[in-house]
Amino acid sequence: MQKDLVTQFVTELIKKAGLDNVPEKFREEYAEKIGAEVQRRIGLVALKELSPQALDEFNALAGKEAKPEELAEFFQKSVPDWENKITVALKEFADEFLASAEKLKKATA
């Protein structure tokens, strides 16, 4: 997933959680942490799904510091049903995040 798509996903998630009205500096720092977790989750899906040969190809791409577009193309080619698997992982993350945000709101109300 390209960085701008992750940023867009995180921005929407923060809005859905009702956290878009917190101080800007806090929101930016929090968005950065959420974005890192989103990237981590995507990475876990990718590594779990890659064959040993594809993992070698990925390591070669990572070693040459491939562009995000190259990595996206690689995963779409190397992981069956890549888009759906990422969609499921992001939905699970969003559900967890929103449930946690709701608990926090209730605890501080």
Foldseek 3Di string as FASTA:
>chain_A
DDPVVLLVLLVVLCVLLVNPPPDPVVSVVVSVVVSVVLVVLLVVLQVVQADPVLVVVVVVCVVVPHDPVVVVVSSPVGGPPSVVSSVVSSVVVSVVVSVVSVVVVVVVD
